[in-house]
Amino acid sequence: MPSDSLPIFNQIWRETLHWEPTKSQLEQWEKLYQEIILVNRKINLTRITKPKDFWEKHLWDSLAGIDAKIIDIKSCSKVIDIGTGAGFPGIPVATIYPHLQVTLLDSKIKKIKCIDFILDKLKFNNCQTLIARSETIGQMKEYRETYDLVLIRAVGTPSVCTEYALPLLKIGGIAVLYRGYWHDEDKLTLKSALEKLGGKIISIKNIETPLTQSIRNFIYIKKISTTSLKFPRQIGIPTQNPL
């Protein structure tokens, strides 16, 4: 049996993000949702499955991080979503911006295989998947300093996220850290890490989610110089010994 349909909430899109999805995009998201619910019965892709929760925590949240006043999205071409999980925020971003080539990175083989099945079935032609750790690909020529935009959500502490993200960014590229909690001490430790990684914070945005009124924080980091080849460090070290 199919699940309940996703809400549309066009007025909320307009009021919060000053934009609304097209009929075609809404249809894509509905198909995506139904496929994820089906796959979720066999493998735990996401714990967020109720229609309103899925809309707010996966769709709205993914796109709230893409702020056109901060990111020149039209000039971006290559994007990587680190620790994509069930495909968020990468898939909604790829839906709205079809000119982007979005790489969905995760180290969990089962999850990526499920995402591959869904992408193929729904004809998401501007998404590709990659099974790897960011510490590994960050040291590989074909990935290092090749992305215009890095998205990273719910992966680790801010300094750990930046050690994963900055080596993959081109100079001038932007990393977006999707955060729940954000404190003054986070900013201090992040600035210290960025001095070593070649980046700087250009904006911090906090926004209230439209349905549950919880606070979401988005930290925008610009890469201003080449990252030392010391980074990223070997697998596990960034989390065990954060910068």
C-alpha atoms as a PDB file:
ATOM      1  CA  MET A   1       0.000   0.000   0.000  1.00  0.00           C
ATOM      2  CA  PRO A   2       1.339   3.470  -0.884  1.00  0.00           C
ATOM      3  CA  SER A   3       1.978   5.918   1.937  1.00  0.00           C
ATOM      4  CA  ASP A   4       0.073   9.133   2.446  1.00  0.00           C
ATOM      5  CA  SER A   5       1.072  11.868   0.020  1.00  0.00           C
ATOM      6  CA  LEU A   6       3.486  14.636   0.834  1.00  0.00           C
ATOM      7  CA  PRO A   7       1.966  18.026   1.684  1.00  0.00           C
ATOM      8  CA  ILE A   8       2.516  20.767  -0.905  1.00  0.00           C
ATOM      9  CA  PHE A   9       2.740  23.851   1.350  1.00  0.00           C
ATOM     10  CA  ASN A  10       3.333  26.342  -1.479  1.00  0.00           C
ATOM     11  CA  GLN A  11       2.480  29.256   0.776  1.00  0.00           C
ATOM     12  CA  ILE A  12       5.096  28.162   3.314  1.00  0.00           C
ATOM     13  CA  TRP A  13       7.713  27.846   0.571  1.00  0.00           C
ATOM     14  CA  ARG A  14       6.918  31.415  -0.525  1.00  0.00           C
ATOM     15  CA  GLU A  15       6.866  32.859   2.985  1.00  0.00           C
ATOM     16  CA  THR A  16      10.041  31.171   4.256  1.00  0.00           C
ATOM     17  CA  LEU A  17      12.297  30.712   1.224  1.00  0.00           C
ATOM     18  CA  HIS A  18      10.623  33.175  -1.202  1.00  0.00           C
ATOM     19  CA  TRP A  19      10.233  30.508  -3.843  1.00  0.00           C
ATOM     20  CA  GLU A  20       7.927  27.638  -4.680  1.00  0.00           C
ATOM     21  CA  PRO A  21       8.406  24.339  -6.492  1.00  0.00           C
ATOM     22  CA  THR A  22       6.917  23.638  -9.905  1.00  0.00           C
ATOM     23  CA  LYS A  23       4.308  20.964 -10.527  1.00  0.00           C
ATOM     24  CA  SER A  24       7.011  18.752 -12.055  1.00  0.00           C
ATOM     25  CA  GLN A  25       9.274  19.147  -9.015  1.00  0.00           C
ATOM     26  CA  LEU A  26       6.422  18.332  -6.657  1.00  0.00           C
ATOM     27  CA  GLU A  27       5.708  15.182  -8.658  1.00  0.00           C
ATOM     28  CA  GLN A  28       9.384  14.170  -8.488  1.00  0.00           C
ATOM     29  CA  TRP A  29       9.410  14.620  -4.731  1.00  0.00           C
ATOM     30  CA  GLU A  30       6.231  12.602  -4.327  1.00  0.00           C
ATOM     31  CA  LYS A  31       7.750   9.716  -6.308  1.00  0.00           C
ATOM     32  CA  LEU A  32      10.964  10.035  -4.311  1.00  0.00           C
ATOM     33  CA  TYR A  33       9.063   9.897  -1.044  1.00  0.00           C
ATOM     34  CA  GLN A  34       7.040   6.829  -2.041  1.00  0.00           C
ATOM     35  CA  GLU A  35      10.157   4.979  -3.223  1.00  0.00           C
ATOM     36  CA  ILE A  36      12.068   5.788  -0.040  1.00  0.00           C
ATOM     37  CA  ILE A  37       9.151   4.557   2.079  1.00  0.00           C
ATOM     38  CA  LEU A  38       9.097   1.280   0.127  1.00  0.00           C
ATOM     39  CA  VAL A  39      12.856   0.777   0.374  1.00  0.00           C
ATOM     40  CA  ASN A  40      12.774   1.745   4.039  1.00  0.00           C
ATOM     41  CA  ARG A  41      10.792  -1.402   4.804  1.00  0.00           C
ATOM     42  CA  LYS A  42      13.850  -3.465   3.849  1.00  0.00           C
ATOM     43  CA  ILE A  43      16.719  -1.220   4.937  1.00  0.00           C
ATOM     44  CA  ASN A  44      16.709   1.679   7.358  1.00  0.00           C
ATOM     45  CA  LEU A  45      17.463   4.569   5.009  1.00  0.00           C
ATOM     46  CA  THR A  46      15.806   7.179   7.217  1.00  0.00           C
ATOM     47  CA  ARG A  47      13.835   7.347  10.446  1.00  0.00           C
ATOM     48  CA  ILE A  48      11.931  10.370   9.087  1.00  0.00           C
ATOM     49  CA  THR A  49       8.980   8.813   7.285  1.00  0.00           C
ATOM     50  CA  LYS A  50       5.777  10.684   8.154  1.00  0.00           C
ATOM     51  CA  PRO A  51       4.731  13.021   5.307  1.00  0.00           C
ATOM     52  CA  LYS A  52       4.967  16.311   7.217  1.00  0.00           C
ATOM     53  CA  ASP A  53       8.214  15.310   8.923  1.00  0.00           C
ATOM     54  CA  PHE A  54       9.705  14.244   5.605  1.00  0.00           C
ATOM     55  CA  TRP A  55       8.642  17.527   3.993  1.00  0.00           C
ATOM     56  CA  GLU A  56      10.147  19.677   6.759  1.00  0.00           C
ATOM     57  CA  LYS A  57      13.249  17.718   7.772  1.00  0.00           C
ATOM     58  CA  HIS A  58      14.294  16.474   4.347  1.00  0.00           C
ATOM     59  CA  LEU A  59      12.874  18.713   1.611  1.00  0.00           C
ATOM     60  CA  TRP A  60      12.494  22.118   3.249  1.00  0.00           C
ATOM     61  CA  ASP A  61      15.627  21.728   5.370  1.00  0.00           C
ATOM     62  CA  SER A  62      17.736  20.671   2.380  1.00  0.00           C
ATOM     63  CA  LEU A  63      16.748  23.741   0.363  1.00  0.00           C
ATOM     64  CA  ALA A  64      16.835  26.206   3.247  1.00  0.00           C
ATOM     65  CA  GLY A  65      20.622  25.837   3.188  1.00  0.00           C
ATOM     66  CA  ILE A  66      20.910  27.054  -0.409  1.00  0.00           C
ATOM     67  CA  ASP A  67      20.783  30.819   0.044  1.00  0.00           C
ATOM     68  CA  ALA A  68      21.075  32.695  -3.270  1.00  0.00           C
ATOM     69  CA  LYS A  69      22.332  35.799  -1.451  1.00  0.00           C
ATOM     70  CA  ILE A  70      25.363  33.839  -0.253  1.00  0.00           C
ATOM     71  CA  ILE A  71      25.878  31.175  -2.938  1.00  0.00           C
ATOM     72  CA  ASP A  72      26.035  32.045  -6.628  1.00  0.00           C
ATOM     73  CA  ILE A  73      24.352  28.774  -7.499  1.00  0.00           C
ATOM     74  CA  LYS A  74      24.149  29.570 -11.233  1.00  0.00           C
ATOM     75  CA  SER A  75      27.947  29.609 -11.473  1.00  0.00           C
ATOM     76  CA  CYS A  76      28.284  26.273  -9.657  1.00  0.00           C
ATOM     77  CA  SER A  77      28.496  23.028 -11.589  1.00  0.00           C
ATOM     78  CA  LYS A  78      29.926  20.307  -9.347  1.00  0.00           C
ATOM     79  CA  VAL A  79      28.417  19.624  -5.932  1.00  0.00           C
ATOM     80  CA  ILE A  80      29.132  16.906  -3.381  1.00  0.00           C
ATOM     81  CA  ASP A  81      26.860  15.883  -0.499  1.00  0.00           C
ATOM     82  CA  ILE A  82      29.071  14.316   2.191  1.00  0.00           C
ATOM     83  CA  GLY A  83      27.379  11.609   4.273  1.00  0.00           C
ATOM     84  CA  THR A  84      24.238  11.756   2.160  1.00  0.00           C
ATOM     85  CA  GLY A  85      22.380   8.964   4.010  1.00  0.00           C
ATOM     86  CA  ALA A  86      19.020   8.708   2.232  1.00  0.00           C
ATOM     87  CA  GLY A  87      20.065  11.352  -0.311  1.00  0.00           C
ATOM     88  CA  PHE A  88      19.635  14.594   1.610  1.00  0.00           C
ATOM     89  CA  PRO A  89      20.309  17.423   1.069  1.00  0.00           C
ATOM     90  CA  GLY A  90      21.742  16.381  -2.330  1.00  0.00           C
ATOM     91  CA  ILE A  91      18.670  15.039  -4.131  1.00  0.00           C
ATOM     92  CA  PRO A  92      16.329  18.006  -3.433  1.00  0.00           C
ATOM     93  CA  VAL A  93      19.113  20.392  -4.501  1.00  0.00           C
ATOM     94  CA  ALA A  94      19.603  18.399  -7.724  1.00  0.00           C
ATOM     95  CA  THR A  95      15.846  18.542  -8.360  1.00  0.00           C
ATOM     96  CA  ILE A  96      15.670  22.323  -8.130  1.00  0.00           C
ATOM     97  CA  TYR A  97      18.938  23.006  -9.970  1.00  0.00           C
ATOM     98  CA  PRO A  98      19.152  20.595 -12.927  1.00  0.00           C
ATOM     99  CA  HIS A  99      22.348  22.252 -14.240  1.00  0.00           C
ATOM    100  CA  LEU A 100      24.258  20.887 -11.237  1.00  0.00           C
ATOM    101  CA  GLN A 101      26.087  17.575 -11.214  1.00  0.00           C
ATOM    102  CA  VAL A 102      25.533  16.295  -7.681  1.00  0.00           C
ATOM    103  CA  THR A 103      27.630  13.530  -6.131  1.00  0.00           C
ATOM    104  CA  LEU A 104      26.027  11.707  -3.205  1.00  0.00           C
ATOM    105  CA  LEU A 105      28.819  10.390  -0.990  1.00  0.00           C
ATOM    106  CA  ASP A 106      28.392   7.791   1.725  1.00  0.00           C
ATOM    107  CA  SER A 107      30.505   4.954   3.081  1.00  0.00           C
ATOM    108  CA  LYS A 108      27.523   2.647   3.671  1.00  0.00           C
ATOM    109  CA  ILE A 109      27.252   0.312   0.678  1.00  0.00           C
ATOM    110  CA  LYS A 110      23.676  -0.808   1.339  1.00  0.00           C
ATOM    111  CA  LYS A 111      22.395   2.759   1.494  1.00  0.00           C
ATOM    112  CA  ILE A 112      24.142   3.787  -1.718  1.00  0.00           C
ATOM    113  CA  LYS A 113      22.822   0.721  -3.553  1.00  0.00           C
ATOM    114  CA  CYS A 114      19.290   1.683  -2.488  1.00  0.00           C
ATOM    115  CA  ILE A 115      19.830   5.273  -3.609  1.00  0.00           C
ATOM    116  CA  ASP A 116      21.186   4.023  -6.973  1.00  0.00           C
ATOM    117  CA  PHE A 117      18.006   1.996  -7.458  1.00  0.00           C
ATOM    118  CA  ILE A 118      15.810   5.013  -6.661  1.00  0.00           C
ATOM    119  CA  LEU A 119      17.811   7.435  -8.840  1.00  0.00           C
ATOM    120  CA  ASP A 120      17.644   5.048 -11.774  1.00  0.00           C
ATOM    121  CA  LYS A 121      13.941   4.397 -11.373  1.00  0.00           C
ATOM    122  CA  LEU A 122      13.063   8.088 -11.088  1.00  0.00           C
ATOM    123  CA  LYS A 123      15.496   9.229 -13.818  1.00  0.00           C
ATOM    124  CA  PHE A 124      17.521  11.633 -11.653  1.00  0.00           C
ATOM    125  CA  ASN A 125      20.098  12.129 -14.380  1.00  0.00           C
ATOM    126  CA  ASN A 126      22.174  14.818 -12.656  1.00  0.00           C
ATOM    127  CA  CYS A 127      22.935  12.725  -9.561  1.00  0.00           C
ATOM    128  CA  GLN A 128      25.630  10.129  -9.124  1.00  0.00           C
ATOM    129  CA  THR A 129      26.687   8.155  -6.084  1.00  0.00           C
ATOM    130  CA  LEU A 130      30.071   7.397  -4.585  1.00  0.00           C
ATOM    131  CA  ILE A 131      30.840   4.766  -1.949  1.00  0.00           C
ATOM    132  CA  ALA A 132      33.835   6.066  -0.010  1.00  0.00           C
ATOM    133  CA  ARG A 133      35.044   7.986   3.005  1.00  0.00           C
ATOM    134  CA  SER A 134      35.705  11.700   2.631  1.00  0.00           C
ATOM    135  CA  GLU A 135      39.136  11.203   4.268  1.00  0.00           C
ATOM    136  CA  THR A 136      40.027   8.899   1.357  1.00  0.00           C
ATOM    137  CA  ILE A 137      38.701  10.867  -1.612  1.00  0.00           C
ATOM    138  CA  GLY A 138      40.027  14.103  -0.136  1.00  0.00           C
ATOM    139  CA  GLN A 139      43.518  12.790  -0.915  1.00  0.00           C
ATOM    140  CA  MET A 140      42.682  11.611  -4.461  1.00  0.00           C
ATOM    141  CA  LYS A 141      43.500  13.833  -7.460  1.00  0.00           C
ATOM    142  CA  GLU A 142      40.222  13.184  -9.253  1.00  0.00           C
ATOM    143  CA  TYR A 143      38.221  14.572  -6.307  1.00  0.00           C
ATOM    144  CA  ARG A 144      40.513  16.942  -4.415  1.00  0.00           C
ATOM    145  CA  GLU A 145      39.750  20.636  -5.013  1.00  0.00           C
ATOM    146  CA  THR A 146      37.240  19.868  -7.795  1.00  0.00           C
ATOM    147  CA  TYR A 147      33.883  20.913  -6.265  1.00  0.00           C
ATOM    148  CA  ASP A 148      32.199  24.311  -6.350  1.00  0.00           C
ATOM    149  CA  LEU A 149      29.864  23.491  -3.481  1.00  0.00           C
ATOM    150  CA  VAL A 150      30.052  21.014  -0.587  1.00  0.00           C
ATOM    151  CA  LEU A 151      26.971  20.172   1.489  1.00  0.00           C
ATOM    152  CA  ILE A 152      27.410  18.383   4.798  1.00  0.00           C
ATOM    153  CA  ARG A 153      24.613  17.597   7.252  1.00  0.00           C
ATOM    154  CA  ALA A 154      24.575  15.699  10.545  1.00  0.00           C
ATOM    155  CA  VAL A 155      28.031  14.194  10.079  1.00  0.00           C
ATOM    156  CA  GLY A 156      30.143  15.449  12.991  1.00  0.00           C
ATOM    157  CA  THR A 157      31.350  18.481  14.891  1.00  0.00           C
ATOM    158  CA  PRO A 158      31.887  21.689  12.854  1.00  0.00           C
ATOM    159  CA  SER A 159      35.680  21.298  12.795  1.00  0.00           C
ATOM    160  CA  VAL A 160      35.403  17.654  11.702  1.00  0.00           C
ATOM    161  CA  CYS A 161      32.963  18.618   8.942  1.00  0.00           C
ATOM    162  CA  THR A 162      35.327  21.264   7.625  1.00  0.00           C
ATOM    163  CA  GLU A 163      38.257  18.842   7.554  1.00  0.00           C
ATOM    164  CA  TYR A 164      36.111  16.577   5.389  1.00  0.00           C
ATOM    165  CA  ALA A 165      34.825  19.405   3.187  1.00  0.00           C
ATOM    166  CA  LEU A 166      37.637  21.892   2.536  1.00  0.00           C
ATOM    167  CA  PRO A 167      40.068  19.539   0.732  1.00  0.00           C
ATOM    168  CA  LEU A 168      37.324  18.769  -1.806  1.00  0.00           C
ATOM    169  CA  LEU A 169      36.504  22.427  -2.547  1.00  0.00           C
ATOM    170  CA  LYS A 170      37.985  24.554  -5.296  1.00  0.00           C
ATOM    171  CA  ILE A 171      39.463  27.860  -4.159  1.00  0.00           C
ATOM    172  CA  GLY A 172      36.503  30.233  -4.101  1.00  0.00           C
ATOM    173  CA  GLY A 173      34.066  27.370  -3.507  1.00  0.00           C
ATOM    174  CA  ILE A 174      31.646  27.249  -0.589  1.00  0.00           C
ATOM    175  CA  ALA A 175      30.861  24.602   2.023  1.00  0.00           C
ATOM    176  CA  VAL A 176      27.491  24.638   3.778  1.00  0.00           C
ATOM    177  CA  LEU A 177      27.356  23.084   7.242  1.00  0.00           C
ATOM    178  CA  TYR A 178      23.805  22.139   8.227  1.00  0.00           C
ATOM    179  CA  ARG A 179      23.590  22.324  12.004  1.00  0.00           C
ATOM    180  CA  GLY A 180      20.987  21.940  14.706  1.00  0.00           C
ATOM    181  CA  TYR A 181      22.859  23.353  17.681  1.00  0.00           C
ATOM    182  CA  TRP A 182      25.324  26.201  17.252  1.00  0.00           C
ATOM    183  CA  HIS A 183      27.088  28.030  20.072  1.00  0.00           C
ATOM    184  CA  ASP A 184      29.680  30.790  20.380  1.00  0.00           C
ATOM    185  CA  GLU A 185      32.366  28.267  21.318  1.00  0.00           C
ATOM    186  CA  ASP A 186      31.609  26.356  18.093  1.00  0.00           C
ATOM    187  CA  LYS A 187      32.499  29.485  16.129  1.00  0.00           C
ATOM    188  CA  LEU A 188      35.807  29.848  17.957  1.00  0.00           C
ATOM    189  CA  THR A 189      36.898  26.238  17.421  1.00  0.00           C
ATOM    190  CA  LEU A 190      35.754  26.354  13.803  1.00  0.00           C
ATOM    191  CA  LYS A 191      37.748  29.517  13.093  1.00  0.00           C
ATOM    192  CA  SER A 192      40.833  27.846  14.542  1.00  0.00           C
ATOM    193  CA  ALA A 193      40.346  24.789  12.285  1.00  0.00           C
ATOM    194  CA  LEU A 194      39.741  26.951   9.220  1.00  0.00           C
ATOM    195  CA  GLU A 195      43.048  28.759   9.686  1.00  0.00           C
ATOM    196  CA  LYS A 196      44.737  25.391   9.099  1.00  0.00           C
ATOM    197  CA  LEU A 197      42.427  24.333   6.246  1.00  0.00           C
ATOM    198  CA  GLY A 198      42.362  27.500   4.133  1.00  0.00           C
ATOM    199  CA  GLY A 199      38.817  28.686   4.700  1.00  0.00           C
ATOM    200  CA  LYS A 200      36.842  31.434   6.369  1.00  0.00           C
ATOM    201  CA  ILE A 201      33.287  31.799   7.650  1.00  0.00           C
ATOM    202  CA  ILE A 202      31.399  34.199   5.350  1.00  0.00           C
ATOM    203  CA  SER A 203      27.935  33.917   6.888  1.00  0.00           C
ATOM    204  CA  ILE A 204      25.952  32.201   9.638  1.00  0.00           C
ATOM    205  CA  LYS A 205      22.211  31.945   9.156  1.00  0.00           C
ATOM    206  CA  ASN A 206      19.728  30.684  11.699  1.00  0.00           C
ATOM    207  CA  ILE A 207      16.158  30.085  10.712  1.00  0.00           C
ATOM    208  CA  GLU A 208      13.079  28.659  12.393  1.00  0.00           C
ATOM    209  CA  THR A 209      11.613  25.560  10.803  1.00  0.00           C
ATOM    210  CA  PRO A 210       8.062  26.210   9.576  1.00  0.00           C
ATOM    211  CA  LEU A 211       6.183  23.305  11.185  1.00  0.00           C
ATOM    212  CA  THR A 212       7.965  22.433  14.429  1.00  0.00           C
ATOM    213  CA  GLN A 213       9.513  25.867  15.118  1.00  0.00           C
ATOM    214  CA  SER A 214      12.940  24.437  15.880  1.00  0.00           C
ATOM    215  CA  ILE A 215      16.098  26.377  15.048  1.00  0.00           C
ATOM    216  CA  ARG A 216      18.304  25.394  12.116  1.00  0.00           C
ATOM    217  CA  ASN A 217      21.728  26.885  11.595  1.00  0.00           C
ATOM    218  CA  PHE A 218      23.607  27.090   8.324  1.00  0.00           C
ATOM    219  CA  ILE A 219      27.299  27.977   8.356  1.00  0.00           C
ATOM    220  CA  TYR A 220      28.752  29.147   5.050  1.00  0.00           C
ATOM    221  CA  ILE A 221      32.499  28.705   4.588  1.00  0.00           C
ATOM    222  CA  LYS A 222      34.487  29.998   1.640  1.00  0.00           C
ATOM    223  CA  LYS A 223      37.738  28.383   0.593  1.00  0.00           C
ATOM    224  CA  ILE A 224      40.310  31.152   0.268  1.00  0.00           C
ATOM    225  CA  SER A 225      43.566  29.209  -0.127  1.00  0.00           C
ATOM    226  CA  THR A 226      44.839  25.741  -0.990  1.00  0.00           C
ATOM    227  CA  THR A 227      44.407  23.156   1.757  1.00  0.00           C
ATOM    228  CA  SER A 228      47.625  21.582   3.008  1.00  0.00           C
ATOM    229  CA  LEU A 229      48.175  18.013   1.830  1.00  0.00           C
ATOM    230  CA  LYS A 230      48.237  17.039   5.512  1.00  0.00           C
ATOM    231  CA  PHE A 231      44.435  17.240   5.361  1.00  0.00           C
ATOM    232  CA  PRO A 232      42.215  15.351   5.511  1.00  0.00           C
ATOM    233  CA  ARG A 233      44.020  13.093   7.933  1.00  0.00           C
ATOM    234  CA  GLN A 234      43.582   9.316   7.856  1.00  0.00           C
ATOM    235  CA  ILE A 235      40.237   7.659   8.486  1.00  0.00           C
ATOM    236  CA  GLY A 236      39.031   8.127  12.056  1.00  0.00           C
ATOM    237  CA  ILE A 237      41.623  10.711  13.099  1.00  0.00           C
ATOM    238  CA  PRO A 238      39.489  13.818  12.448  1.00  0.00           C
ATOM    239  CA  THR A 239      36.797  12.540  14.821  1.00  0.00           C
ATOM    240  CA  GLN A 240      39.251  11.192  17.423  1.00  0.00           C
ATOM    241  CA  ASN A 241      41.412  14.304  17.420  1.00  0.00           C
ATOM    242  CA  PRO A 242      39.491  17.299  15.998  1.00  0.00           C
ATOM    243  CA  LEU A 243      41.435  20.330  14.814  1.00  0.00           C
END
